[in-house]
PDB file of N, CA and C in Angstrom:
ATOM      1  N   MET A   1       0.778  -1.423  -0.001  1.00  0.00           N
ATOM      2  CA  MET A   1      -0.158   0.122   0.172  1.00  0.00           C
ATOM      3  C   MET A   1       1.022   1.254   0.076  1.00  0.00           C
ATOM      4  N   ILE A   2       0.569   1.912  -0.658  1.00  0.00           N
ATOM      5  CA  ILE A   2       1.179   3.705  -0.995  1.00  0.00           C
ATOM      6  C   ILE A   2       0.344   4.501  -0.325  1.00  0.00           C
ATOM      7  N   ILE A   3       1.111   5.263   0.599  1.00  0.00           N
ATOM      8  CA  ILE A   3      -0.308   6.201   1.275  1.00  0.00           C
ATOM      9  C   ILE A   3       1.010   7.839   1.051  1.00  0.00           C
ATOM     10  N   VAL A   4       0.136   8.627   0.282  1.00  0.00           N
ATOM     11  CA  VAL A   4       0.822  10.199   0.306  1.00  0.00           C
ATOM     12  C   VAL A   4       0.157  10.990   1.011  1.00  0.00           C
ATOM     13  N   ALA A   5       0.660  11.413   1.779  1.00  0.00           N
ATOM     14  CA  ALA A   5      -0.066  12.409   3.162  1.00  0.00           C
ATOM     15  C   ALA A   5       0.877  14.079   3.193  1.00  0.00           C
ATOM     16  N   GLY A   6       0.499  14.979   3.374  1.00  0.00           N
ATOM     17  CA  GLY A   6       1.055  16.215   3.095  1.00  0.00           C
ATOM     18  C   GLY A   6       0.510  17.380   3.212  1.00  0.00           C
ATOM     19  N   TYR A   7       0.459  18.511   2.573  1.00  0.00           N
ATOM     20  CA  TYR A   7      -0.137  20.094   2.731  1.00  0.00           C
ATOM     21  C   TYR A   7       0.285  20.806   1.659  1.00  0.00           C
ATOM     22  N   ALA A   8      -0.515  21.538   1.493  1.00  0.00           N
ATOM     23  CA  ALA A   8       0.420  22.979   0.408  1.00  0.00           C
ATOM     24  C   ALA A   8      -0.394  24.254   1.108  1.00  0.00           C
ATOM     25  N   LEU A   9       0.547  25.078   1.092  1.00  0.00           N
ATOM     26  CA  LEU A   9       0.484  26.508   1.516  1.00  0.00           C
ATOM     27  C   LEU A   9       0.226  27.410   0.210  1.00  0.00           C
ATOM     28  N   ARG A  10      -1.078  28.005   0.530  1.00  0.00           N
ATOM     29  CA  ARG A  10      -1.212  29.409  -0.334  1.00  0.00           C
ATOM     30  C   ARG A  10      -0.765  30.753   0.187  1.00  0.00           C
ATOM     31  N   LYS A  11      -1.170  31.792  -0.458  1.00  0.00           N
ATOM     32  CA  LYS A  11      -0.753  32.537   0.353  1.00  0.00           C
ATOM     33  C   LYS A  11      -1.863  33.529   0.466  1.00  0.00           C
ATOM     34  N   THR A  12      -3.052  33.268   0.288  1.00  0.00           N
ATOM     35  CA  THR A  12      -4.289  33.687   0.828  1.00  0.00           C
ATOM     36  C   THR A  12      -5.474  32.577   0.902  1.00  0.00           C
ATOM     37  N   PRO A  13      -6.400  32.844   1.979  1.00  0.00           N
ATOM     38  CA  PRO A  13      -7.566  31.711   1.879  1.00  0.00           C
ATOM     39  C   PRO A  13      -8.218  31.925   0.729  1.00  0.00           C
ATOM     40  N   ALA A  14      -8.542  32.753   0.074  1.00  0.00           N
ATOM     41  CA  ALA A  14      -8.838  32.591  -0.953  1.00  0.00           C
ATOM     42  C   ALA A  14      -8.507  32.073  -2.404  1.00  0.00           C
ATOM     43  N   GLU A  15      -7.000  31.970  -2.249  1.00  0.00           N
ATOM     44  CA  GLU A  15      -6.191  31.242  -3.414  1.00  0.00           C
ATOM     45  C   GLU A  15      -6.423  29.711  -2.692  1.00  0.00           C
ATOM     46  N   ARG A  16      -6.578  29.771  -1.354  1.00  0.00           N
ATOM     47  CA  ARG A  16      -6.193  28.064  -1.151  1.00  0.00           C
ATOM     48  C   ARG A  16      -7.706  27.590  -1.481  1.00  0.00           C
ATOM     49  N   ASP A  17      -8.560  28.395  -1.466  1.00  0.00           N
ATOM     50  CA  ASP A  17     -10.180  27.766  -1.684  1.00  0.00           C
ATOM     51  C   ASP A  17     -10.324  27.538  -3.187  1.00  0.00           C
ATOM     52  N   ALA A  18      -9.827  28.440  -3.867  1.00  0.00           N
ATOM     53  CA  ALA A  18      -9.611  28.063  -5.504  1.00  0.00           C
ATOM     54  C   ALA A  18      -8.753  26.950  -5.652  1.00  0.00           C
ATOM     55  N   SER A  19      -7.589  26.882  -4.939  1.00  0.00           N
ATOM     56  CA  SER A  19      -7.103  25.751  -5.204  1.00  0.00           C
ATOM     57  C   SER A  19      -7.458  24.147  -5.236  1.00  0.00           C
ATOM     58  N   VAL A  20      -8.162  24.109  -4.113  1.00  0.00           N
ATOM     59  CA  VAL A  20      -9.153  23.201  -3.581  1.00  0.00           C
ATOM     60  C   VAL A  20      -9.993  22.643  -4.500  1.00  0.00           C
ATOM     61  N   ALA A  21     -10.837  23.623  -5.113  1.00  0.00           N
ATOM     62  CA  ALA A  21     -11.965  23.750  -5.854  1.00  0.00           C
ATOM     63  C   ALA A  21     -11.444  23.212  -7.307  1.00  0.00           C
ATOM     64  N   ALA A  22     -10.314  23.792  -7.540  1.00  0.00           N
ATOM     65  CA  ALA A  22      -9.591  23.404  -9.150  1.00  0.00           C
ATOM     66  C   ALA A  22      -9.298  22.002  -8.797  1.00  0.00           C
ATOM     67  N   PHE A  23      -8.903  21.288  -7.835  1.00  0.00           N
ATOM     68  CA  PHE A  23      -8.333  19.939  -7.455  1.00  0.00           C
ATOM     69  C   PHE A  23      -9.451  18.970  -7.681  1.00  0.00           C
ATOM     70  N   ALA A  24     -10.768  19.204  -7.683  1.00  0.00           N
ATOM     71  CA  ALA A  24     -12.034  18.569  -7.671  1.00  0.00           C
ATOM     72  C   ALA A  24     -11.965  17.572  -8.357  1.00  0.00           C
ATOM     73  N   GLU A  25     -11.648  18.093  -9.912  1.00  0.00           N
ATOM     74  CA  GLU A  25     -12.120  17.022 -10.820  1.00  0.00           C
ATOM     75  C   GLU A  25     -11.220  16.113 -10.786  1.00  0.00           C
ATOM     76  N   MET A  26      -9.759  16.352 -10.343  1.00  0.00           N
ATOM     77  CA  MET A  26      -8.348  15.388 -10.550  1.00  0.00           C
ATOM     78  C   MET A  26      -9.157  14.220  -9.405  1.00  0.00           C
ATOM     79  N   VAL A  27      -9.355  15.046  -8.384  1.00  0.00           N
ATOM     80  CA  VAL A  27      -9.848  13.836  -7.361  1.00  0.00           C
ATOM     81  C   VAL A  27     -10.471  12.951  -7.890  1.00  0.00           C
ATOM     82  N   ALA A  28     -11.828  13.545  -8.495  1.00  0.00           N
ATOM     83  CA  ALA A  28     -12.780  12.494  -8.336  1.00  0.00           C
ATOM     84  C   ALA A  28     -12.366  11.659  -9.817  1.00  0.00           C
ATOM     85  N   ARG A  29     -11.308  11.688 -10.503  1.00  0.00           N
ATOM     86  CA  ARG A  29     -10.966  10.708 -11.799  1.00  0.00           C
ATOM     87  C   ARG A  29     -10.273   9.617 -11.107  1.00  0.00           C
ATOM     88  N   ALA A  30      -9.258  10.586  -9.970  1.00  0.00           N
ATOM     89  CA  ALA A  30      -8.385   9.294  -9.281  1.00  0.00           C
ATOM     90  C   ALA A  30      -9.224   8.704  -8.473  1.00  0.00           C
ATOM     91  N   ARG A  31     -10.205   8.691  -7.711  1.00  0.00           N
ATOM     92  CA  ARG A  31     -11.468   7.897  -7.240  1.00  0.00           C
ATOM     93  C   ARG A  31     -11.561   6.623  -8.209  1.00  0.00           C
ATOM     94  N   GLN A  32     -11.585   6.707  -9.380  1.00  0.00           N
ATOM     95  CA  GLN A  32     -12.206   5.949 -10.409  1.00  0.00           C
ATOM     96  C   GLN A  32     -11.004   5.034 -10.911  1.00  0.00           C
ATOM     97  N   GLN A  33      -9.508   5.135 -10.440  1.00  0.00           N
ATOM     98  CA  GLN A  33      -8.634   4.833 -10.820  1.00  0.00           C
ATOM     99  C   GLN A  33      -8.746   3.161 -10.428  1.00  0.00           C
ATOM    100  N   ASP A  34      -8.194   2.290 -10.846  1.00  0.00           N
ATOM    101  CA  ASP A  34      -7.849   0.689 -10.211  1.00  0.00           C
ATOM    102  C   ASP A  34      -6.674   0.960  -9.669  1.00  0.00           C
ATOM    103  N   GLY A  35      -7.277   0.640  -8.106  1.00  0.00           N
ATOM    104  CA  GLY A  35      -5.840   0.662  -7.167  1.00  0.00           C
ATOM    105  C   GLY A  35      -6.264   2.088  -6.240  1.00  0.00           C
ATOM    106  N   CYS A  36      -7.133   2.754  -6.453  1.00  0.00           N
ATOM    107  CA  CYS A  36      -7.345   3.882  -5.639  1.00  0.00           C
ATOM    108  C   CYS A  36      -8.121   3.760  -4.570  1.00  0.00           C
ATOM    109  N   ILE A  37      -7.292   3.713  -3.049  1.00  0.00           N
ATOM    110  CA  ILE A  37      -8.451   3.200  -2.259  1.00  0.00           C
ATOM    111  C   ILE A  37      -9.225   4.747  -2.029  1.00  0.00           C
ATOM    112  N   ASP A  38      -8.290   5.726  -1.951  1.00  0.00           N
ATOM    113  CA  ASP A  38      -9.111   7.066  -1.501  1.00  0.00           C
ATOM    114  C   ASP A  38      -8.317   8.153  -1.793  1.00  0.00           C
ATOM    115  N   MET A  39      -8.692   8.975  -2.063  1.00  0.00           N
ATOM    116  CA  MET A  39      -7.613  10.536  -2.377  1.00  0.00           C
ATOM    117  C   MET A  39      -8.472  11.495  -2.143  1.00  0.00           C
ATOM    118  N   ALA A  40      -7.936  12.755  -1.121  1.00  0.00           N
ATOM    119  CA  ALA A  40      -8.695  13.906  -0.825  1.00  0.00           C
ATOM    120  C   ALA A  40      -7.811  15.035  -0.825  1.00  0.00           C
ATOM    121  N   ILE A  41      -7.845  16.166  -1.583  1.00  0.00           N
ATOM    122  CA  ILE A  41      -7.061  17.708  -1.329  1.00  0.00           C
ATOM    123  C   ILE A  41      -8.390  18.382  -0.519  1.00  0.00           C
ATOM    124  N   THR A  42      -8.293  18.964   0.409  1.00  0.00           N
ATOM    125  CA  THR A  42      -8.954  19.303   1.504  1.00  0.00           C
ATOM    126  C   THR A  42      -8.553  20.950   2.202  1.00  0.00           C
ATOM    127  N   ALA A  43      -9.619  21.800   2.397  1.00  0.00           N
ATOM    128  CA  ALA A  43      -9.150  22.918   3.248  1.00  0.00           C
ATOM    129  C   ALA A  43      -9.048  22.444   4.473  1.00  0.00           C
ATOM    130  N   ASP A  44      -7.807  22.933   5.072  1.00  0.00           N
ATOM    131  CA  ASP A  44      -7.853  22.400   6.481  1.00  0.00           C
ATOM    132  C   ASP A  44      -8.644  23.415   7.574  1.00  0.00           C
ATOM    133  N   SER A  45      -9.037  22.712   8.664  1.00  0.00           N
ATOM    134  CA  SER A  45      -9.687  23.386   9.676  1.00  0.00           C
ATOM    135  C   SER A  45      -9.251  24.107  10.688  1.00  0.00           C
ATOM    136  N   ILE A  46      -7.923  24.548  10.545  1.00  0.00           N
ATOM    137  CA  ILE A  46      -7.063  25.689  11.266  1.00  0.00           C
ATOM    138  C   ILE A  46      -6.468  26.223  10.233  1.00  0.00           C
ATOM    139  N   ASP A  47      -5.765  26.187  10.079  1.00  0.00           N
ATOM    140  CA  ASP A  47      -5.291  27.116   8.999  1.00  0.00           C
ATOM    141  C   ASP A  47      -5.752  27.650   7.662  1.00  0.00           C
ATOM    142  N   PRO A  48      -6.201  28.852   7.308  1.00  0.00           N
ATOM    143  CA  PRO A  48      -7.161  29.370   6.123  1.00  0.00           C
ATOM    144  C   PRO A  48      -6.255  29.362   5.097  1.00  0.00           C
ATOM    145  N   THR A  49      -4.647  29.019   5.073  1.00  0.00           N
ATOM    146  CA  THR A  49      -3.746  29.254   3.779  1.00  0.00           C
ATOM    147  C   THR A  49      -3.723  27.704   3.529  1.00  0.00           C
ATOM    148  N   ARG A  50      -3.891  26.458   4.613  1.00  0.00           N
ATOM    149  CA  ARG A  50      -3.423  25.357   4.291  1.00  0.00           C
ATOM    150  C   ARG A  50      -4.463  24.180   3.339  1.00  0.00           C
ATOM    151  N   SER A  51      -3.919  23.325   2.433  1.00  0.00           N
ATOM    152  CA  SER A  51      -4.773  22.414   2.313  1.00  0.00           C
ATOM    153  C   SER A  51      -3.853  21.391   2.160  1.00  0.00           C
ATOM    154  N   ASN A  52      -4.773  19.928   2.692  1.00  0.00           N
ATOM    155  CA  ASN A  52      -4.607  18.610   3.093  1.00  0.00           C
ATOM    156  C   ASN A  52      -4.670  17.939   2.018  1.00  0.00           C
ATOM    157  N   ILE A  53      -3.412  17.518   1.833  1.00  0.00           N
ATOM    158  CA  ILE A  53      -3.463  15.861   0.689  1.00  0.00           C
ATOM    159  C   ILE A  53      -3.258  14.815   1.219  1.00  0.00           C
ATOM    160  N   VAL A  54      -4.253  13.962   0.775  1.00  0.00           N
ATOM    161  CA  VAL A  54      -3.940  12.556   1.537  1.00  0.00           C
ATOM    162  C   VAL A  54      -4.332  11.324   0.189  1.00  0.00           C
ATOM    163  N   GLU A  55      -3.430  10.634  -0.348  1.00  0.00           N
ATOM    164  CA  GLU A  55      -3.673   9.798  -1.070  1.00  0.00           C
ATOM    165  C   GLU A  55      -3.430   8.024  -0.353  1.00  0.00           C
ATOM    166  N   VAL A  56      -4.495   7.207  -0.774  1.00  0.00           N
ATOM    167  CA  VAL A  56      -3.825   5.966  -0.623  1.00  0.00           C
ATOM    168  C   VAL A  56      -4.336   4.843  -1.582  1.00  0.00           C
ATOM    169  N   TRP A  57      -3.027   4.172  -1.732  1.00  0.00           N
ATOM    170  CA  TRP A  57      -3.375   3.394  -3.228  1.00  0.00           C
ATOM    171  C   TRP A  57      -2.847   2.195  -3.146  1.00  0.00           C
ATOM    172  N   ARG A  58      -3.694   1.220  -3.461  1.00  0.00           N
ATOM    173  CA  ARG A  58      -3.605  -0.325  -3.350  1.00  0.00           C
ATOM    174  C   ARG A  58      -1.898  -0.755  -3.436  1.00  0.00           C
ATOM    175  N   ASP A  59      -1.146  -0.282  -4.441  1.00  0.00           N
ATOM    176  CA  ASP A  59       0.223  -0.746  -3.941  1.00  0.00           C
ATOM    177  C   ASP A  59       1.208   0.440  -5.298  1.00  0.00           C
ATOM    178  N   GLU A  60       1.889   0.041  -5.338  1.00  0.00           N
ATOM    179  CA  GLU A  60       3.189   1.189  -6.239  1.00  0.00           C
ATOM    180  C   GLU A  60       2.730   1.102  -7.340  1.00  0.00           C
ATOM    181  N   ALA A  61       2.400   0.392  -8.094  1.00  0.00           N
ATOM    182  CA  ALA A  61       2.202   0.124  -9.358  1.00  0.00           C
ATOM    183  C   ALA A  61       0.945   0.845 -10.016  1.00  0.00           C
ATOM    184  N   ALA A  62       0.035   0.624  -8.956  1.00  0.00           N
ATOM    185  CA  ALA A  62      -1.416   1.302  -9.358  1.00  0.00           C
ATOM    186  C   ALA A  62      -1.075   3.147  -8.847  1.00  0.00           C
ATOM    187  N   TRP A  63      -0.269   3.630  -8.034  1.00  0.00           N
ATOM    188  CA  TRP A  63       0.197   4.696  -7.801  1.00  0.00           C
ATOM    189  C   TRP A  63       0.775   5.595  -8.771  1.00  0.00           C
ATOM    190  N   LYS A  64       2.018   4.581  -9.344  1.00  0.00           N
ATOM    191  CA  LYS A  64       2.617   5.257 -10.709  1.00  0.00           C
ATOM    192  C   LYS A  64       1.655   5.222 -11.868  1.00  0.00           C
ATOM    193  N   ALA A  65       1.152   4.126 -12.090  1.00  0.00           N
ATOM    194  CA  ALA A  65       0.298   4.451 -12.878  1.00  0.00           C
ATOM    195  C   ALA A  65      -0.557   5.482 -13.039  1.00  0.00           C
ATOM    196  N   TRP A  66      -1.094   6.041 -11.984  1.00  0.00           N
ATOM    197  CA  TRP A  66      -2.085   7.194 -11.448  1.00  0.00           C
ATOM    198  C   TRP A  66      -1.149   8.563 -11.832  1.00  0.00           C
ATOM    199  N   ARG A  67       0.301   8.394 -11.615  1.00  0.00           N
ATOM    200  CA  ARG A  67       0.751   9.544 -11.578  1.00  0.00           C
ATOM    201  C   ARG A  67       1.310  10.178 -12.974  1.00  0.00           C
ATOM    202  N   LYS A  68       1.211   8.793 -14.054  1.00  0.00           N
ATOM    203  CA  LYS A  68       1.664   9.248 -15.469  1.00  0.00           C
ATOM    204  C   LYS A  68       0.237  10.021 -15.925  1.00  0.00           C
ATOM    205  N   ILE A  69      -0.835  10.000 -15.889  1.00  0.00           N
ATOM    206  CA  ILE A  69      -1.965  10.359 -16.242  1.00  0.00           C
ATOM    207  C   ILE A  69      -2.662  11.606 -15.309  1.00  0.00           C
ATOM    208  N   ALA A  70      -2.121  11.590 -13.853  1.00  0.00           N
ATOM    209  CA  ALA A  70      -3.059  12.787 -13.069  1.00  0.00           C
ATOM    210  C   ALA A  70      -3.441  14.178 -13.756  1.00  0.00           C
ATOM    211  N   LYS A  71      -2.390  14.566 -14.044  1.00  0.00           N
ATOM    212  CA  LYS A  71      -2.584  16.475 -14.913  1.00  0.00           C
ATOM    213  C   LYS A  71      -3.577  16.808 -13.999  1.00  0.00           C
ATOM    214  N   GLY A  72      -2.528  17.733 -12.737  1.00  0.00           N
ATOM    215  CA  GLY A  72      -3.624  18.371 -11.918  1.00  0.00           C
ATOM    216  C   GLY A  72      -3.591  19.770 -12.706  1.00  0.00           C
ATOM    217  N   PRO A  73      -4.506  20.921 -12.246  1.00  0.00           N
ATOM    218  CA  PRO A  73      -4.596  22.068 -12.551  1.00  0.00           C
ATOM    219  C   PRO A  73      -3.439  22.863 -12.361  1.00  0.00           C
ATOM    220  N   LYS A  74      -3.147  24.016 -13.317  1.00  0.00           N
ATOM    221  CA  LYS A  74      -2.117  24.669 -13.285  1.00  0.00           C
ATOM    222  C   LYS A  74      -1.881  25.756 -11.977  1.00  0.00           C
ATOM    223  N   GLY A  75      -0.807  26.106 -12.049  1.00  0.00           N
ATOM    224  CA  GLY A  75      -0.880  27.029 -10.634  1.00  0.00           C
ATOM    225  C   GLY A  75       0.433  26.166  -9.665  1.00  0.00           C
ATOM    226  N   ARG A  76       0.756  27.366  -9.136  1.00  0.00           N
ATOM    227  CA  ARG A  76       1.581  26.552  -8.061  1.00  0.00           C
ATOM    228  C   ARG A  76       1.488  26.836  -6.561  1.00  0.00           C
ATOM    229  N   ALA A  77       1.870  26.230  -5.623  1.00  0.00           N
ATOM    230  CA  ALA A  77       1.246  26.362  -4.354  1.00  0.00           C
ATOM    231  C   ALA A  77       2.641  27.337  -3.654  1.00  0.00           C
ATOM    232  N   LYS A  78       2.621  27.895  -2.935  1.00  0.00           N
ATOM    233  CA  LYS A  78       3.764  28.793  -2.074  1.00  0.00           C
ATOM    234  C   LYS A  78       4.603  27.773  -1.470  1.00  0.00           C
ATOM    235  N   GLU A  79       4.412  26.682  -0.720  1.00  0.00           N
ATOM    236  CA  GLU A  79       5.098  25.853  -0.363  1.00  0.00           C
ATOM    237  C   GLU A  79       4.240  24.569  -0.333  1.00  0.00           C
ATOM    238  N   VAL A  80       4.834  23.340  -0.356  1.00  0.00           N
ATOM    239  CA  VAL A  80       4.367  21.837  -0.716  1.00  0.00           C
ATOM    240  C   VAL A  80       5.196  21.253   0.473  1.00  0.00           C
ATOM    241  N   HIS A  81       4.755  20.027   1.118  1.00  0.00           N
ATOM    242  CA  HIS A  81       5.560  19.048   2.107  1.00  0.00           C
ATOM    243  C   HIS A  81       4.787  18.186   1.896  1.00  0.00           C
ATOM    244  N   VAL A  82       5.202  16.902   1.120  1.00  0.00           N
ATOM    245  CA  VAL A  82       4.816  15.940   1.372  1.00  0.00           C
ATOM    246  C   VAL A  82       5.426  14.612   1.308  1.00  0.00           C
ATOM    247  N   SER A  83       4.938  13.307   2.038  1.00  0.00           N
ATOM    248  CA  SER A  83       5.581  12.110   2.676  1.00  0.00           C
ATOM    249  C   SER A  83       4.968  11.027   2.158  1.00  0.00           C
ATOM    250  N   ILE A  84       6.000  10.148   1.594  1.00  0.00           N
ATOM    251  CA  ILE A  84       5.356   8.868   0.761  1.00  0.00           C
ATOM    252  C   ILE A  84       5.540   8.175   1.925  1.00  0.00           C
ATOM    253  N   TYR A  85       4.770   6.875   2.160  1.00  0.00           N
ATOM    254  CA  TYR A  85       4.652   5.995   3.099  1.00  0.00           C
ATOM    255  C   TYR A  85       4.253   4.880   2.118  1.00  0.00           C
ATOM    256  N   HIS A  86       5.291   3.575   2.595  1.00  0.00           N
ATOM    257  CA  HIS A  86       5.058   2.230   2.243  1.00  0.00           C
ATOM    258  C   HIS A  86       4.638   1.369   3.329  1.00  0.00           C
ATOM    259  N   ALA A  87       3.330   1.017   2.967  1.00  0.00           N
ATOM    260  CA  ALA A  87       2.739  -0.401   4.022  1.00  0.00           C
ATOM    261  C   ALA A  87       2.443  -1.450   3.527  1.00  0.00           C
ATOM    262  N   ASP A  88       2.557  -2.694   4.286  1.00  0.00           N
ATOM    263  CA  ASP A  88       2.224  -3.951   4.301  1.00  0.00           C
ATOM    264  C   ASP A  88       0.805  -4.438   4.281  1.00  0.00           C
ATOM    265  N   LYS A  89       0.479  -3.918   5.760  1.00  0.00           N
ATOM    266  CA  LYS A  89      -0.840  -3.527   5.555  1.00  0.00           C
ATOM    267  C   LYS A  89      -1.318  -2.973   6.439  1.00  0.00           C
ATOM    268  N   VAL A  90      -2.514  -2.608   6.492  1.00  0.00           N
ATOM    269  CA  VAL A  90      -3.106  -1.465   7.386  1.00  0.00           C
ATOM    270  C   VAL A  90      -4.250  -2.075   7.935  1.00  0.00           C
ATOM    271  N   SER A  91      -4.553  -1.474   9.308  1.00  0.00           N
ATOM    272  CA  SER A  91      -5.890  -2.194   9.763  1.00  0.00           C
ATOM    273  C   SER A  91      -6.816  -1.381  10.225  1.00  0.00           C
TER     274      SER A  91
END
């Protein structure tokens, strides 16, 4: 199992909200992909400039196949922090 977890920071709350909305179509496509257990890009409940990112994939092959076709929206975050975890089993 592959778990991608992290966050992105935007300059303003409005930029954060626009970014979360822009990623909605990509998240919907990811959830339809073979091997996607879950994906979410959401507004943080405490920091108005932060969006939280989580992806859970069945295996590395499924995740890599998605990365080849993901094509997210244009634009850059002020800062992005993401970690990738490999797990044999999640309870």
